[in-house]
Amino acid sequence: MSGLLQTIARRAVPVLRGHTVCQRANVYTKPAKEKIGTLETVIGLTFFSLAILGPSGWILAHLEDYKKKQ
């Protein structure tokens, strides 16, 4: 029985994969129009760090409150 399923699968897979759309990204590289300063970089990294680590830090800081059953 498994031989029959393998045969069917070998014939069906190329048919199913044949209709996929091939997408290509057009990438153009040029130098930046304006250079980003150090202060802007630090501010951007700080906000991204707070956005990612802030909620998890809040949960960890209040973990004991979440464990209490009300």
PDB file of N, CA and C in Angstrom:
ATOM      1  N   MET A   1       0.813  -1.197   0.000  1.00  0.00           N
ATOM      2  CA  MET A   1       0.000   0.000   0.000  1.00  0.00           C
ATOM      3  C   MET A   1       0.855   1.258   0.000  1.00  0.00           C
ATOM      4  N   SER A   2       1.968   1.218   0.761  1.00  0.00           N
ATOM      5  CA  SER A   2       2.815   2.413   0.807  1.00  0.00           C
ATOM      6  C   SER A   2       3.487   2.666  -0.543  1.00  0.00           C
ATOM      7  N   GLY A   3       3.756   1.610  -1.293  1.00  0.00           N
ATOM      8  CA  GLY A   3       4.334   1.781  -2.626  1.00  0.00           C
ATOM      9  C   GLY A   3       3.385   2.506  -3.553  1.00  0.00           C
ATOM     10  N   LEU A   4       2.089   2.201  -3.441  1.00  0.00           N
ATOM     11  CA  LEU A   4       1.081   2.875  -4.247  1.00  0.00           C
ATOM     12  C   LEU A   4       1.005   4.355  -3.884  1.00  0.00           C
ATOM     13  N   LEU A   5       1.050   4.670  -2.592  1.00  0.00           N
ATOM     14  CA  LEU A   5       1.004   6.073  -2.157  1.00  0.00           C
ATOM     15  C   LEU A   5       2.243   6.836  -2.607  1.00  0.00           C
ATOM     16  N   GLN A   6       3.398   6.184  -2.576  1.00  0.00           N
ATOM     17  CA  GLN A   6       4.626   6.836  -3.031  1.00  0.00           C
ATOM     18  C   GLN A   6       4.555   7.148  -4.515  1.00  0.00           C
ATOM     19  N   THR A   7       4.017   6.232  -5.286  1.00  0.00           N
ATOM     20  CA  THR A   7       3.882   6.448  -6.726  1.00  0.00           C
ATOM     21  C   THR A   7       2.944   7.613  -7.015  1.00  0.00           C
ATOM     22  N   ILE A   8       1.838   7.657  -6.319  1.00  0.00           N
ATOM     23  CA  ILE A   8       0.886   8.759  -6.506  1.00  0.00           C
ATOM     24  C   ILE A   8       1.515  10.075  -6.089  1.00  0.00           C
ATOM     25  N   ALA A   9       2.239  10.065  -4.980  1.00  0.00           N
ATOM     26  CA  ALA A   9       2.863  11.294  -4.486  1.00  0.00           C
ATOM     27  C   ALA A   9       3.920  11.795  -5.460  1.00  0.00           C
ATOM     28  N   ARG A  10       4.703  10.888  -6.052  1.00  0.00           N
ATOM     29  CA  ARG A  10       5.744  11.297  -7.007  1.00  0.00           C
ATOM     30  C   ARG A  10       5.149  11.953  -8.245  1.00  0.00           C
ATOM     31  N   ARG A  11       3.979  11.503  -8.635  1.00  0.00           N
ATOM     32  CA  ARG A  11       3.352  12.081  -9.830  1.00  0.00           C
ATOM     33  C   ARG A  11       2.584  13.352  -9.515  1.00  0.00           C
ATOM     34  N   ALA A  12       2.078  13.477  -8.304  1.00  0.00           N
ATOM     35  CA  ALA A  12       1.238  14.620  -7.950  1.00  0.00           C
ATOM     36  C   ALA A  12       2.058  15.848  -7.563  1.00  0.00           C
ATOM     37  N   VAL A  13       3.210  15.644  -6.944  1.00  0.00           N
ATOM     38  CA  VAL A  13       3.992  16.777  -6.436  1.00  0.00           C
ATOM     39  C   VAL A  13       4.435  17.727  -7.542  1.00  0.00           C
ATOM     40  N   PRO A  14       5.010  17.267  -8.652  1.00  0.00           N
ATOM     41  CA  PRO A  14       5.398  18.226  -9.696  1.00  0.00           C
ATOM     42  C   PRO A  14       4.222  18.992 -10.275  1.00  0.00           C
ATOM     43  N   VAL A  15       3.062  18.356 -10.354  1.00  0.00           N
ATOM     44  CA  VAL A  15       1.879  19.039 -10.874  1.00  0.00           C
ATOM     45  C   VAL A  15       1.449  20.143  -9.927  1.00  0.00           C
ATOM     46  N   LEU A  16       1.455  19.857  -8.636  1.00  0.00           N
ATOM     47  CA  LEU A  16       1.042  20.852  -7.654  1.00  0.00           C
ATOM     48  C   LEU A  16       2.032  21.992  -7.550  1.00  0.00           C
ATOM     49  N   ARG A  17       3.291  21.710  -7.686  1.00  0.00           N
ATOM     50  CA  ARG A  17       4.320  22.756  -7.589  1.00  0.00           C
ATOM     51  C   ARG A  17       4.467  23.552  -8.876  1.00  0.00           C
ATOM     52  N   GLY A  18       3.976  23.072  -9.960  1.00  0.00           N
ATOM     53  CA  GLY A  18       4.152  23.727 -11.251  1.00  0.00           C
ATOM     54  C   GLY A  18       3.412  25.035 -11.382  1.00  0.00           C
ATOM     55  N   HIS A  19       2.384  25.258 -10.591  1.00  0.00           N
ATOM     56  CA  HIS A  19       1.566  26.456 -10.730  1.00  0.00           C
ATOM     57  C   HIS A  19       1.966  27.571  -9.775  1.00  0.00           C
ATOM     58  N   THR A  20       3.080  27.438  -9.112  1.00  0.00           N
ATOM     59  CA  THR A  20       3.497  28.489  -8.199  1.00  0.00           C
ATOM     60  C   THR A  20       4.045  29.668  -8.992  1.00  0.00           C
ATOM     61  N   VAL A  21       3.864  30.843  -8.459  1.00  0.00           N
ATOM     62  CA  VAL A  21       4.327  32.058  -9.102  1.00  0.00           C
ATOM     63  C   VAL A  21       5.724  32.358  -8.585  1.00  0.00           C
ATOM     64  N   CYS A  22       6.634  32.575  -9.495  1.00  0.00           N
ATOM     65  CA  CYS A  22       8.006  32.903  -9.113  1.00  0.00           C
ATOM     66  C   CYS A  22       8.124  34.416  -9.002  1.00  0.00           C
ATOM     67  N   GLN A  23       8.435  34.894  -7.814  1.00  0.00           N
ATOM     68  CA  GLN A  23       8.556  36.324  -7.593  1.00  0.00           C
ATOM     69  C   GLN A  23      10.026  36.696  -7.493  1.00  0.00           C
ATOM     70  N   ARG A  24      10.367  37.814  -8.076  1.00  0.00           N
ATOM     71  CA  ARG A  24      11.735  38.312  -7.990  1.00  0.00           C
ATOM     72  C   ARG A  24      11.703  39.735  -7.463  1.00  0.00           C
ATOM     73  N   ALA A  25      12.621  40.018  -6.596  1.00  0.00           N
ATOM     74  CA  ALA A  25      12.711  41.374  -6.051  1.00  0.00           C
ATOM     75  C   ALA A  25      13.734  42.158  -6.859  1.00  0.00           C
ATOM     76  N   ASN A  26      13.385  43.379  -7.180  1.00  0.00           N
ATOM     77  CA  ASN A  26      14.326  44.256  -7.868  1.00  0.00           C
ATOM     78  C   ASN A  26      15.069  45.064  -6.814  1.00  0.00           C
ATOM     79  N   VAL A  27      16.342  44.808  -6.681  1.00  0.00           N
ATOM     80  CA  VAL A  27      17.135  45.471  -5.664  1.00  0.00           C
ATOM     81  C   VAL A  27      18.097  46.426  -6.359  1.00  0.00           C
ATOM     82  N   TYR A  28      18.007  47.675  -5.988  1.00  0.00           N
ATOM     83  CA  TYR A  28      18.910  48.681  -6.523  1.00  0.00           C
ATOM     84  C   TYR A  28      19.726  49.241  -5.374  1.00  0.00           C
ATOM     85  N   THR A  29      21.006  49.268  -5.529  1.00  0.00           N
ATOM     86  CA  THR A  29      21.858  49.782  -4.466  1.00  0.00           C
ATOM     87  C   THR A  29      22.482  51.096  -4.905  1.00  0.00           C
ATOM     88  N   LYS A  30      22.335  52.066  -4.063  1.00  0.00           N
ATOM     89  CA  LYS A  30      22.936  53.383  -4.267  1.00  0.00           C
ATOM     90  C   LYS A  30      23.391  53.890  -2.920  1.00  0.00           C
ATOM     91  N   PRO A  31      24.306  54.812  -2.902  1.00  0.00           N
ATOM     92  CA  PRO A  31      24.654  55.427  -1.614  1.00  0.00           C
ATOM     93  C   PRO A  31      23.459  56.208  -1.065  1.00  0.00           C
ATOM     94  N   ALA A  32      23.404  56.325   0.245  1.00  0.00           N
ATOM     95  CA  ALA A  32      22.308  57.051   0.880  1.00  0.00           C
ATOM     96  C   ALA A  32      22.348  58.520   0.490  1.00  0.00           C
ATOM     97  N   LYS A  33      21.171  59.130   0.405  1.00  0.00           N
ATOM     98  CA  LYS A  33      21.117  60.546   0.060  1.00  0.00           C
ATOM     99  C   LYS A  33      21.675  61.399   1.193  1.00  0.00           C
ATOM    100  N   GLU A  34      21.324  61.028   2.422  1.00  0.00           N
ATOM    101  CA  GLU A  34      21.834  61.742   3.591  1.00  0.00           C
ATOM    102  C   GLU A  34      22.371  60.722   4.581  1.00  0.00           C
ATOM    103  N   LYS A  35      23.452  61.065   5.235  1.00  0.00           N
ATOM    104  CA  LYS A  35      24.004  60.165   6.229  1.00  0.00           C
ATOM    105  C   LYS A  35      23.225  60.308   7.536  1.00  0.00           C
ATOM    106  N   ILE A  36      23.026  59.183   8.202  1.00  0.00           N
ATOM    107  CA  ILE A  36      22.336  59.180   9.484  1.00  0.00           C
ATOM    108  C   ILE A  36      23.367  59.420  10.573  1.00  0.00           C
ATOM    109  N   GLY A  37      23.075  60.365  11.445  1.00  0.00           N
ATOM    110  CA  GLY A  37      24.010  60.720  12.498  1.00  0.00           C
ATOM    111  C   GLY A  37      24.018  59.733  13.643  1.00  0.00           C
ATOM    112  N   THR A  38      24.989  59.896  14.510  1.00  0.00           N
ATOM    113  CA  THR A  38      25.137  59.009  15.667  1.00  0.00           C
ATOM    114  C   THR A  38      23.956  59.155  16.620  1.00  0.00           C
ATOM    115  N   LEU A  39      23.529  60.377  16.876  1.00  0.00           N
ATOM    116  CA  LEU A  39      22.417  60.616  17.794  1.00  0.00           C
ATOM    117  C   LEU A  39      21.132  59.966  17.270  1.00  0.00           C
ATOM    118  N   GLU A  40      20.862  60.100  15.979  1.00  0.00           N
ATOM    119  CA  GLU A  40      19.675  59.486  15.403  1.00  0.00           C
ATOM    120  C   GLU A  40      19.741  57.964  15.508  1.00  0.00           C
ATOM    121  N   THR A  41      20.908  57.390  15.316  1.00  0.00           N
ATOM    122  CA  THR A  41      21.088  55.950  15.438  1.00  0.00           C
ATOM    123  C   THR A  41      20.822  55.491  16.863  1.00  0.00           C
ATOM    124  N   VAL A  42      21.366  56.204  17.839  1.00  0.00           N
ATOM    125  CA  VAL A  42      21.175  55.833  19.244  1.00  0.00           C
ATOM    126  C   VAL A  42      19.710  55.938  19.631  1.00  0.00           C
ATOM    127  N   ILE A  43      19.048  57.000  19.211  1.00  0.00           N
ATOM    128  CA  ILE A  43      17.626  57.170  19.531  1.00  0.00           C
ATOM    129  C   ILE A  43      16.800  56.055  18.896  1.00  0.00           C
ATOM    130  N   GLY A  44      17.061  55.734  17.650  1.00  0.00           N
ATOM    131  CA  GLY A  44      16.330  54.669  16.970  1.00  0.00           C
ATOM    132  C   GLY A  44      16.524  53.322  17.633  1.00  0.00           C
ATOM    133  N   LEU A  45      17.765  52.979  17.969  1.00  0.00           N
ATOM    134  CA  LEU A  45      18.038  51.704  18.629  1.00  0.00           C
ATOM    135  C   LEU A  45      17.410  51.643  20.016  1.00  0.00           C
ATOM    136  N   THR A  46      17.393  52.774  20.713  1.00  0.00           N
ATOM    137  CA  THR A  46      16.783  52.817  22.042  1.00  0.00           C
ATOM    138  C   THR A  46      15.286  52.539  21.962  1.00  0.00           C
ATOM    139  N   PHE A  47      14.599  53.188  21.025  1.00  0.00           N
ATOM    140  CA  PHE A  47      13.161  52.981  20.898  1.00  0.00           C
ATOM    141  C   PHE A  47      12.820  51.568  20.447  1.00  0.00           C
ATOM    142  N   PHE A  48      13.620  51.012  19.544  1.00  0.00           N
ATOM    143  CA  PHE A  48      13.376  49.632  19.128  1.00  0.00           C
ATOM    144  C   PHE A  48      13.597  48.674  20.294  1.00  0.00           C
ATOM    145  N   SER A  49      14.636  48.907  21.078  1.00  0.00           N
ATOM    146  CA  SER A  49      14.899  48.048  22.233  1.00  0.00           C
ATOM    147  C   SER A  49      13.771  48.132  23.248  1.00  0.00           C
ATOM    148  N   LEU A  50      13.289  49.342  23.511  1.00  0.00           N
ATOM    149  CA  LEU A  50      12.175  49.493  24.447  1.00  0.00           C
ATOM    150  C   LEU A  50      10.902  48.839  23.924  1.00  0.00           C
ATOM    151  N   ALA A  51      10.675  48.951  22.634  1.00  0.00           N
ATOM    152  CA  ALA A  51       9.466  48.355  22.060  1.00  0.00           C
ATOM    153  C   ALA A  51       9.490  46.837  22.142  1.00  0.00           C
ATOM    154  N   ILE A  52      10.673  46.251  22.018  1.00  0.00           N
ATOM    155  CA  ILE A  52      10.776  44.792  22.048  1.00  0.00           C
ATOM    156  C   ILE A  52      10.930  44.280  23.474  1.00  0.00           C
ATOM    157  N   LEU A  53      11.793  44.880  24.254  1.00  0.00           N
ATOM    158  CA  LEU A  53      12.092  44.379  25.591  1.00  0.00           C
ATOM    159  C   LEU A  53      11.174  44.940  26.674  1.00  0.00           C
ATOM    160  N   GLY A  54      10.510  46.048  26.422  1.00  0.00           N
ATOM    161  CA  GLY A  54       9.654  46.669  27.428  1.00  0.00           C
ATOM    162  C   GLY A  54       8.522  45.787  27.919  1.00  0.00           C
ATOM    163  N   PRO A  55       7.696  45.252  27.026  1.00  0.00           N
ATOM    164  CA  PRO A  55       6.585  44.408  27.501  1.00  0.00           C
ATOM    165  C   PRO A  55       7.053  43.151  28.241  1.00  0.00           C
ATOM    166  N   SER A  56       8.091  42.499  27.762  1.00  0.00           N
ATOM    167  CA  SER A  56       8.565  41.300  28.457  1.00  0.00           C
ATOM    168  C   SER A  56       9.169  41.665  29.808  1.00  0.00           C
ATOM    169  N   GLY A  57       9.838  42.802  29.905  1.00  0.00           N
ATOM    170  CA  GLY A  57      10.360  43.254  31.187  1.00  0.00           C
ATOM    171  C   GLY A  57       9.247  43.566  32.170  1.00  0.00           C
ATOM    172  N   TRP A  58       8.161  44.151  31.684  1.00  0.00           N
ATOM    173  CA  TRP A  58       7.010  44.448  32.530  1.00  0.00           C
ATOM    174  C   TRP A  58       6.416  43.159  33.094  1.00  0.00           C
ATOM    175  N   ILE A  59       6.263  42.163  32.236  1.00  0.00           N
ATOM    176  CA  ILE A  59       5.701  40.887  32.681  1.00  0.00           C
ATOM    177  C   ILE A  59       6.613  40.227  33.708  1.00  0.00           C
ATOM    178  N   LEU A  60       7.903  40.215  33.459  1.00  0.00           N
ATOM    179  CA  LEU A  60       8.838  39.604  34.402  1.00  0.00           C
ATOM    180  C   LEU A  60       8.873  40.355  35.732  1.00  0.00           C
ATOM    181  N   ALA A  61       8.750  41.682  35.691  1.00  0.00           N
ATOM    182  CA  ALA A  61       8.775  42.466  36.923  1.00  0.00           C
ATOM    183  C   ALA A  61       7.516  42.231  37.760  1.00  0.00           C
ATOM    184  N   HIS A  62       6.401  41.911  37.134  1.00  0.00           N
ATOM    185  CA  HIS A  62       5.138  41.715  37.833  1.00  0.00           C
ATOM    186  C   HIS A  62       4.708  40.253  37.840  1.00  0.00           C
ATOM    187  N   LEU A  63       5.643  39.349  37.735  1.00  0.00           N
ATOM    188  CA  LEU A  63       5.344  37.926  37.655  1.00  0.00           C
ATOM    189  C   LEU A  63       4.639  37.422  38.908  1.00  0.00           C
ATOM    190  N   GLU A  64       5.053  37.889  40.060  1.00  0.00           N
ATOM    191  CA  GLU A  64       4.421  37.448  41.316  1.00  0.00           C
ATOM    192  C   GLU A  64       2.959  37.894  41.375  1.00  0.00           C
ATOM    193  N   ASP A  65       2.654  39.058  40.837  1.00  0.00           N
ATOM    194  CA  ASP A  65       1.270  39.516  40.809  1.00  0.00           C
ATOM    195  C   ASP A  65       0.412  38.617  39.918  1.00  0.00           C
ATOM    196  N   TYR A  66       0.997  38.137  38.842  1.00  0.00           N
ATOM    197  CA  TYR A  66       0.246  37.283  37.921  1.00  0.00           C
ATOM    198  C   TYR A  66       0.031  35.887  38.504  1.00  0.00           C
ATOM    199  N   LYS A  67       0.925  35.450  39.369  1.00  0.00           N
ATOM    200  CA  LYS A  67       0.803  34.122  39.963  1.00  0.00           C
ATOM    201  C   LYS A  67      -0.316  34.062  41.004  1.00  0.00           C
ATOM    202  N   LYS A  68      -0.631  35.187  41.639  1.00  0.00           N
ATOM    203  CA  LYS A  68      -1.673  35.213  42.662  1.00  0.00           C
ATOM    204  C   LYS A  68      -3.032  34.979  42.030  1.00  0.00           C
ATOM    205  N   LYS A  69      -3.814  34.131  42.665  1.00  0.00           N
ATOM    206  CA  LYS A  69      -5.164  33.902  42.186  1.00  0.00           C
ATOM    207  C   LYS A  69      -6.093  34.863  42.910  1.00  0.00           C
ATOM    208  N   GLN A  70      -6.966  35.475  42.185  1.00  0.00           N
ATOM    209  CA  GLN A  70      -7.873  36.442  42.787  1.00  0.00           C
ATOM    210  C   GLN A  70      -9.265  35.895  42.871  1.00  0.00           C
TER     211      GLN A  70
END
